[in-house]
Amino acid sequence: WIGLVVAWFGGATYRPLAWLLTLGLLGHL
């Protein structure tokens, strides 16, 4: 959860990672 929050709110640098993790988690579940 810390990783997801930081990826989403840690700035534009981490935004692609946030999308990748979120879509990957929700898609496979």
PDB file of all heavy atoms in Angstrom:
ATOM      1  N   TRP A   1       0.826  -1.208   0.000  1.00  0.00           N
ATOM      2  CA  TRP A   1       0.000   0.000   0.000  1.00  0.00           C
ATOM      3  C   TRP A   1       0.860   1.257   0.000  1.00  0.00           C
ATOM      4  O   TRP A   1       0.530   2.245  -0.670  1.00  0.00           O
ATOM      5  CB  TRP A   1      -0.943   0.000   1.198  1.00  0.00           C
ATOM      6  CG  TRP A   1      -2.133  -0.882   1.012  1.00  0.00           C
ATOM      7  CD1 TRP A   1      -2.451  -2.012   1.703  1.00  0.00           C
ATOM      8  CD2 TRP A   1      -3.172  -0.701   0.044  1.00  0.00           C
ATOM      9  NE1 TRP A   1      -3.614  -2.563   1.237  1.00  0.00           N
ATOM     10  CE2 TRP A   1      -4.086  -1.783   0.214  1.00  0.00           C
ATOM     11  CE3 TRP A   1      -3.420   0.232  -0.952  1.00  0.00           C
ATOM     12  CZ2 TRP A   1      -5.223  -1.919  -0.576  1.00  0.00           C
ATOM     13  CZ3 TRP A   1      -4.556   0.087  -1.744  1.00  0.00           C
ATOM     14  CH2 TRP A   1      -5.436  -0.971  -1.551  1.00  0.00           C
ATOM     15  N   ILE A   2       1.969   1.220   0.739  1.00  0.00           N
ATOM     16  CA  ILE A   2       2.883   2.377   0.718  1.00  0.00           C
ATOM     17  C   ILE A   2       3.413   2.594  -0.692  1.00  0.00           C
ATOM     18  O   ILE A   2       3.466   3.733  -1.188  1.00  0.00           O
ATOM     19  CB  ILE A   2       4.040   2.156   1.706  1.00  0.00           C
ATOM     20  CG1 ILE A   2       3.528   2.219   3.146  1.00  0.00           C
ATOM     21  CG2 ILE A   2       5.136   3.200   1.494  1.00  0.00           C
ATOM     22  CD1 ILE A   2       4.574   1.858   4.183  1.00  0.00           C
ATOM     23  N   GLY A   3       3.803   1.501  -1.357  1.00  0.00           N
ATOM     24  CA  GLY A   3       4.314   1.620  -2.712  1.00  0.00           C
ATOM     25  C   GLY A   3       3.288   2.211  -3.659  1.00  0.00           C
ATOM     26  O   GLY A   3       3.607   3.065  -4.497  1.00  0.00           O
ATOM     27  N   LEU A   4       2.025   1.776  -3.547  1.00  0.00           N
ATOM     28  CA  LEU A   4       0.981   2.305  -4.427  1.00  0.00           C
ATOM     29  C   LEU A   4       0.720   3.778  -4.160  1.00  0.00           C
ATOM     30  O   LEU A   4       0.565   4.578  -5.096  1.00  0.00           O
ATOM     31  CB  LEU A   4      -0.306   1.498  -4.229  1.00  0.00           C
ATOM     32  CG  LEU A   4      -0.318   0.081  -4.807  1.00  0.00           C
ATOM     33  CD1 LEU A   4      -1.581  -0.659  -4.383  1.00  0.00           C
ATOM     34  CD2 LEU A   4      -0.226   0.120  -6.330  1.00  0.00           C
ATOM     35  N   VAL A   5       0.650   4.149  -2.887  1.00  0.00           N
ATOM     36  CA  VAL A   5       0.389   5.557  -2.540  1.00  0.00           C
ATOM     37  C   VAL A   5       1.515   6.450  -3.022  1.00  0.00           C
ATOM     38  O   VAL A   5       1.281   7.525  -3.616  1.00  0.00           O
ATOM     39  CB  VAL A   5       0.191   5.690  -1.017  1.00  0.00           C
ATOM     40  CG1 VAL A   5       0.156   7.166  -0.609  1.00  0.00           C
ATOM     41  CG2 VAL A   5      -1.092   4.994  -0.570  1.00  0.00           C
ATOM     42  N   VAL A   6       2.763   6.025  -2.802  1.00  0.00           N
ATOM     43  CA  VAL A   6       3.908   6.832  -3.235  1.00  0.00           C
ATOM     44  C   VAL A   6       3.934   6.939  -4.760  1.00  0.00           C
ATOM     45  O   VAL A   6       4.215   8.006  -5.320  1.00  0.00           O
ATOM     46  CB  VAL A   6       5.220   6.223  -2.709  1.00  0.00           C
ATOM     47  CG1 VAL A   6       6.430   6.931  -3.329  1.00  0.00           C
ATOM     48  CG2 VAL A   6       5.274   6.320  -1.196  1.00  0.00           C
ATOM     49  N   ALA A   7       3.623   5.836  -5.446  1.00  0.00           N
ATOM     50  CA  ALA A   7       3.635   5.865  -6.908  1.00  0.00           C
ATOM     51  C   ALA A   7       2.600   6.841  -7.453  1.00  0.00           C
ATOM     52  O   ALA A   7       2.855   7.560  -8.436  1.00  0.00           O
ATOM     53  CB  ALA A   7       3.386   4.461  -7.464  1.00  0.00           C
ATOM     54  N   TRP A   8       1.428   6.912  -6.808  1.00  0.00           N
ATOM     55  CA  TRP A   8       0.375   7.794  -7.289  1.00  0.00           C
ATOM     56  C   TRP A   8       0.605   9.253  -6.899  1.00  0.00           C
ATOM     57  O   TRP A   8       0.310  10.167  -7.682  1.00  0.00           O
ATOM     58  CB  TRP A   8      -0.989   7.333  -6.760  1.00  0.00           C
ATOM     59  CG  TRP A   8      -1.630   6.297  -7.620  1.00  0.00           C
ATOM     60  CD1 TRP A   8      -1.829   4.994  -7.326  1.00  0.00           C
ATOM     61  CD2 TRP A   8      -2.150   6.482  -8.948  1.00  0.00           C
ATOM     62  NE1 TRP A   8      -2.423   4.337  -8.375  1.00  0.00           N
ATOM     63  CE2 TRP A   8      -2.642   5.231  -9.386  1.00  0.00           C
ATOM     64  CE3 TRP A   8      -2.241   7.581  -9.805  1.00  0.00           C
ATOM     65  CZ2 TRP A   8      -3.215   5.047 -10.639  1.00  0.00           C
ATOM     66  CZ3 TRP A   8      -2.810   7.393 -11.063  1.00  0.00           C
ATOM     67  CH2 TRP A   8      -3.286   6.147 -11.456  1.00  0.00           C
ATOM     68  N   PHE A   9       1.128   9.472  -5.715  1.00  0.00           N
ATOM     69  CA  PHE A   9       1.223  10.848  -5.215  1.00  0.00           C
ATOM     70  C   PHE A   9       2.661  11.334  -5.073  1.00  0.00           C
ATOM     71  O   PHE A   9       2.891  12.401  -4.501  1.00  0.00           O
ATOM     72  CB  PHE A   9       0.522  10.948  -3.854  1.00  0.00           C
ATOM     73  CG  PHE A   9      -0.933  10.582  -3.913  1.00  0.00           C
ATOM     74  CD1 PHE A   9      -1.362   9.351  -3.443  1.00  0.00           C
ATOM     75  CD2 PHE A   9      -1.873  11.465  -4.456  1.00  0.00           C
ATOM     76  CE1 PHE A   9      -2.706   8.994  -3.505  1.00  0.00           C
ATOM     77  CE2 PHE A   9      -3.206  11.117  -4.518  1.00  0.00           C
ATOM     78  CZ  PHE A   9      -3.627   9.876  -4.050  1.00  0.00           C
ATOM     79  N   GLY A  10       3.614  10.565  -5.608  1.00  0.00           N
ATOM     80  CA  GLY A  10       5.016  10.958  -5.482  1.00  0.00           C
ATOM     81  C   GLY A  10       5.528  11.809  -6.620  1.00  0.00           C
ATOM     82  O   GLY A  10       6.736  12.040  -6.717  1.00  0.00           O
ATOM     83  N   GLY A  11       4.647  12.240  -7.494  1.00  0.00           N
ATOM     84  CA  GLY A  11       5.078  13.083  -8.596  1.00  0.00           C
ATOM     85  C   GLY A  11       4.944  12.382  -9.939  1.00  0.00           C
ATOM     86  O   GLY A  11       4.679  11.176 -10.018  1.00  0.00           O
ATOM     87  N   ALA A  12       5.145  13.193 -11.005  1.00  0.00           N
ATOM     88  CA  ALA A  12       4.956  12.678 -12.360  1.00  0.00           C
ATOM     89  C   ALA A  12       5.953  11.577 -12.711  1.00  0.00           C
ATOM     90  O   ALA A  12       5.680  10.736 -13.572  1.00  0.00           O
ATOM     91  CB  ALA A  12       5.069  13.818 -13.372  1.00  0.00           C
ATOM     92  N   THR A  13       7.105  11.550 -12.035  1.00  0.00           N
ATOM     93  CA  THR A  13       8.122  10.544 -12.342  1.00  0.00           C
ATOM     94  C   THR A  13       7.602   9.132 -12.118  1.00  0.00           C
ATOM     95  O   THR A  13       7.925   8.202 -12.878  1.00  0.00           O
ATOM     96  CB  THR A  13       9.368  10.775 -11.476  1.00  0.00           C
ATOM     97  OG1 THR A  13       9.858  12.102 -11.700  1.00  0.00           O
ATOM     98  CG2 THR A  13      10.461   9.768 -11.825  1.00  0.00           C
ATOM     99  N   TYR A  14       6.799   8.973 -11.064  1.00  0.00           N
ATOM    100  CA  TYR A  14       6.317   7.642 -10.707  1.00  0.00           C
ATOM    101  C   TYR A  14       4.935   7.319 -11.282  1.00  0.00           C
ATOM    102  O   TYR A  14       4.419   6.228 -11.058  1.00  0.00           O
ATOM    103  CB  TYR A  14       6.245   7.507  -9.183  1.00  0.00           C
ATOM    104  CG  TYR A  14       7.549   7.764  -8.477  1.00  0.00           C
ATOM    105  CD1 TYR A  14       7.614   8.593  -7.365  1.00  0.00           C
ATOM    106  CD2 TYR A  14       8.722   7.170  -8.922  1.00  0.00           C
ATOM    107  CE1 TYR A  14       8.813   8.823  -6.710  1.00  0.00           C
ATOM    108  CE2 TYR A  14       9.922   7.398  -8.285  1.00  0.00           C
ATOM    109  CZ  TYR A  14       9.970   8.226  -7.172  1.00  0.00           C
ATOM    110  OH  TYR A  14      11.162   8.456  -6.534  1.00  0.00           O
ATOM    111  N   ARG A  15       4.332   8.256 -11.997  1.00  0.00           N
ATOM    112  CA  ARG A  15       2.964   8.014 -12.467  1.00  0.00           C
ATOM    113  C   ARG A  15       2.848   6.817 -13.420  1.00  0.00           C
ATOM    114  O   ARG A  15       1.884   6.047 -13.311  1.00  0.00           O
ATOM    115  CB  ARG A  15       2.428   9.290 -13.131  1.00  0.00           C
ATOM    116  CG  ARG A  15       0.910   9.292 -13.332  1.00  0.00           C
ATOM    117  CD  ARG A  15       0.158   9.079 -12.016  1.00  0.00           C
ATOM    118  NE  ARG A  15       0.558   9.970 -10.966  1.00  0.00           N
ATOM    119  CZ  ARG A  15       0.133  11.221 -10.821  1.00  0.00           C
ATOM    120  NH1 ARG A  15      -0.714  11.719 -11.689  1.00  0.00           N
ATOM    121  NH2 ARG A  15       0.542  11.955  -9.805  1.00  0.00           N
ATOM    122  N   PRO A  16       3.777   6.594 -14.344  1.00  0.00           N
ATOM    123  CA  PRO A  16       3.668   5.383 -15.180  1.00  0.00           C
ATOM    124  C   PRO A  16       3.690   4.101 -14.358  1.00  0.00           C
ATOM    125  O   PRO A  16       2.968   3.150 -14.660  1.00  0.00           O
ATOM    126  CB  PRO A  16       4.888   5.481 -16.109  1.00  0.00           C
ATOM    127  CG  PRO A  16       5.193   6.949 -16.167  1.00  0.00           C
ATOM    128  CD  PRO A  16       4.880   7.470 -14.801  1.00  0.00           C
ATOM    129  N   LEU A  17       4.529   4.085 -13.317  1.00  0.00           N
ATOM    130  CA  LEU A  17       4.566   2.912 -12.442  1.00  0.00           C
ATOM    131  C   LEU A  17       3.234   2.735 -11.726  1.00  0.00           C
ATOM    132  O   LEU A  17       2.743   1.598 -11.569  1.00  0.00           O
ATOM    133  CB  LEU A  17       5.691   3.047 -11.427  1.00  0.00           C
ATOM    134  CG  LEU A  17       5.812   1.915 -10.392  1.00  0.00           C
ATOM    135  CD1 LEU A  17       6.103   0.586 -11.088  1.00  0.00           C
ATOM    136  CD2 LEU A  17       6.886   2.228  -9.358  1.00  0.00           C
ATOM    137  N   ALA A  18       2.625   3.840 -11.301  1.00  0.00           N
ATOM    138  CA  ALA A  18       1.333   3.767 -10.619  1.00  0.00           C
ATOM    139  C   ALA A  18       0.273   3.147 -11.528  1.00  0.00           C
ATOM    140  O   ALA A  18      -0.505   2.285 -11.100  1.00  0.00           O
ATOM    141  CB  ALA A  18       0.907   5.159 -10.170  1.00  0.00           C
ATOM    142  N   TRP A  19       0.245   3.585 -12.780  1.00  0.00           N
ATOM    143  CA  TRP A  19      -0.730   3.021 -13.727  1.00  0.00           C
ATOM    144  C   TRP A  19      -0.462   1.540 -13.984  1.00  0.00           C
ATOM    145  O   TRP A  19      -1.384   0.723 -14.044  1.00  0.00           O
ATOM    146  CB  TRP A  19      -0.686   3.801 -15.040  1.00  0.00           C
ATOM    147  CG  TRP A  19      -1.478   5.071 -15.009  1.00  0.00           C
ATOM    148  CD1 TRP A  19      -0.994   6.343 -14.991  1.00  0.00           C
ATOM    149  CD2 TRP A  19      -2.907   5.180 -14.984  1.00  0.00           C
ATOM    150  NE1 TRP A  19      -2.024   7.251 -14.958  1.00  0.00           N
ATOM    151  CE2 TRP A  19      -3.220   6.570 -14.952  1.00  0.00           C
ATOM    152  CE3 TRP A  19      -3.948   4.273 -14.974  1.00  0.00           C
ATOM    153  CZ2 TRP A  19      -4.521   7.048 -14.924  1.00  0.00           C
ATOM    154  CZ3 TRP A  19      -5.258   4.738 -14.936  1.00  0.00           C
ATOM    155  CH2 TRP A  19      -5.536   6.107 -14.913  1.00  0.00           C
ATOM    156  N   LEU A  20       0.815   1.196 -14.155  1.00  0.00           N
ATOM    157  CA  LEU A  20       1.177  -0.192 -14.425  1.00  0.00           C
ATOM    158  C   LEU A  20       0.751  -1.096 -13.274  1.00  0.00           C
ATOM    159  O   LEU A  20       0.132  -2.155 -13.487  1.00  0.00           O
ATOM    160  CB  LEU A  20       2.691  -0.305 -14.640  1.00  0.00           C
ATOM    161  CG  LEU A  20       3.235  -1.726 -14.810  1.00  0.00           C
ATOM    162  CD1 LEU A  20       2.696  -2.361 -16.086  1.00  0.00           C
ATOM    163  CD2 LEU A  20       4.769  -1.709 -14.831  1.00  0.00           C
ATOM    164  N   LEU A  21       1.064  -0.690 -12.039  1.00  0.00           N
ATOM    165  CA  LEU A  21       0.723  -1.518 -10.884  1.00  0.00           C
ATOM    166  C   LEU A  21      -0.790  -1.621 -10.702  1.00  0.00           C
ATOM    167  O   LEU A  21      -1.324  -2.704 -10.463  1.00  0.00           O
ATOM    168  CB  LEU A  21       1.361  -0.929  -9.621  1.00  0.00           C
ATOM    169  CG  LEU A  21       2.883  -0.994  -9.534  1.00  0.00           C
ATOM    170  CD1 LEU A  21       3.385  -0.273  -8.297  1.00  0.00           C
ATOM    171  CD2 LEU A  21       3.355  -2.447  -9.531  1.00  0.00           C
ATOM    172  N   THR A  22      -1.486  -0.496 -10.824  1.00  0.00           N
ATOM    173  CA  THR A  22      -2.927  -0.494 -10.593  1.00  0.00           C
ATOM    174  C   THR A  22      -3.663  -1.322 -11.634  1.00  0.00           C
ATOM    175  O   THR A  22      -4.516  -2.158 -11.309  1.00  0.00           O
ATOM    176  CB  THR A  22      -3.465   0.942 -10.595  1.00  0.00           C
ATOM    177  OG1 THR A  22      -2.786   1.692  -9.580  1.00  0.00           O
ATOM    178  CG2 THR A  22      -4.962   0.957 -10.311  1.00  0.00           C
ATOM    179  N   LEU A  23      -3.336  -1.106 -12.902  1.00  0.00           N
ATOM    180  CA  LEU A  23      -3.990  -1.871 -13.958  1.00  0.00           C
ATOM    181  C   LEU A  23      -3.625  -3.353 -13.879  1.00  0.00           C
ATOM    182  O   LEU A  23      -4.476  -4.224 -14.114  1.00  0.00           O
ATOM    183  CB  LEU A  23      -3.611  -1.312 -15.328  1.00  0.00           C
ATOM    184  CG  LEU A  23      -4.143   0.097 -15.643  1.00  0.00           C
ATOM    185  CD1 LEU A  23      -3.628   0.564 -17.007  1.00  0.00           C
ATOM    186  CD2 LEU A  23      -5.664   0.124 -15.611  1.00  0.00           C
ATOM    187  N   GLY A  24      -2.390  -3.651 -13.545  1.00  0.00           N
ATOM    188  CA  GLY A  24      -1.982  -5.042 -13.418  1.00  0.00           C
ATOM    189  C   GLY A  24      -2.692  -5.750 -12.280  1.00  0.00           C
ATOM    190  O   GLY A  24      -3.167  -6.878 -12.434  1.00  0.00           O
ATOM    191  N   LEU A  25      -2.792  -5.094 -11.135  1.00  0.00           N
ATOM    192  CA  LEU A  25      -3.459  -5.695  -9.981  1.00  0.00           C
ATOM    193  C   LEU A  25      -4.946  -5.888 -10.228  1.00  0.00           C
ATOM    194  O   LEU A  25      -5.491  -6.983 -10.043  1.00  0.00           O
ATOM    195  CB  LEU A  25      -3.237  -4.812  -8.742  1.00  0.00           C
ATOM    196  CG  LEU A  25      -1.827  -4.818  -8.162  1.00  0.00           C
ATOM    197  CD1 LEU A  25      -1.648  -3.674  -7.173  1.00  0.00           C
ATOM    198  CD2 LEU A  25      -1.539  -6.158  -7.474  1.00  0.00           C
ATOM    199  N   LEU A  26      -5.612  -4.824 -10.653  1.00  0.00           N
ATOM    200  CA  LEU A  26      -7.060  -4.914 -10.863  1.00  0.00           C
ATOM    201  C   LEU A  26      -7.401  -5.844 -12.021  1.00  0.00           C
ATOM    202  O   LEU A  26      -8.367  -6.614 -11.957  1.00  0.00           O
ATOM    203  CB  LEU A  26      -7.633  -3.521 -11.123  1.00  0.00           C
ATOM    204  CG  LEU A  26      -7.582  -2.534  -9.948  1.00  0.00           C
ATOM    205  CD1 LEU A  26      -8.156  -1.185 -10.353  1.00  0.00           C
ATOM    206  CD2 LEU A  26      -8.339  -3.097  -8.739  1.00  0.00           C
ATOM    207  N   GLY A  27      -6.614  -5.784 -13.087  1.00  0.00           N
ATOM    208  CA  GLY A  27      -6.898  -6.610 -14.255  1.00  0.00           C
ATOM    209  C   GLY A  27      -6.800  -8.094 -13.956  1.00  0.00           C
ATOM    210  O   GLY A  27      -7.675  -8.869 -14.343  1.00  0.00           O
ATOM    211  N   HIS A  28      -5.764  -8.508 -13.252  1.00  0.00           N
ATOM    212  CA  HIS A  28      -5.597  -9.931 -12.978  1.00  0.00           C
ATOM    213  C   HIS A  28      -6.555 -10.426 -11.902  1.00  0.00           C
ATOM    214  O   HIS A  28      -7.009 -11.568 -11.952  1.00  0.00           O
ATOM    215  CB  HIS A  28      -4.147 -10.219 -12.588  1.00  0.00           C
ATOM    216  CG  HIS A  28      -3.214 -10.178 -13.744  1.00  0.00           C
ATOM    217  ND1 HIS A  28      -2.491  -9.055 -14.087  1.00  0.00           N
ATOM    218  CD2 HIS A  28      -2.895 -11.117 -14.683  1.00  0.00           C
ATOM    219  CE1 HIS A  28      -1.765  -9.301 -15.159  1.00  0.00           C
ATOM    220  NE2 HIS A  28      -1.987 -10.534 -15.545  1.00  0.00           N
ATOM    221  N   LEU A  29      -6.878  -9.576 -10.938  1.00  0.00           N
ATOM    222  CA  LEU A  29      -7.877  -9.976  -9.942  1.00  0.00           C
ATOM    223  C   LEU A  29      -9.249 -10.119 -10.602  1.00  0.00           C
ATOM    224  O   LEU A  29      -9.990 -11.074 -10.319  1.00  0.00           O
ATOM    225  CB  LEU A  29      -7.941  -8.943  -8.813  1.00  0.00           C
ATOM    226  CG  LEU A  29      -8.918  -9.262  -7.675  1.00  0.00           C
ATOM    227  CD1 LEU A  29      -8.545 -10.563  -6.978  1.00  0.00           C
ATOM    228  CD2 LEU A  29      -8.942  -8.114  -6.663  1.00  0.00           C
TER     229      LEU A  29
END
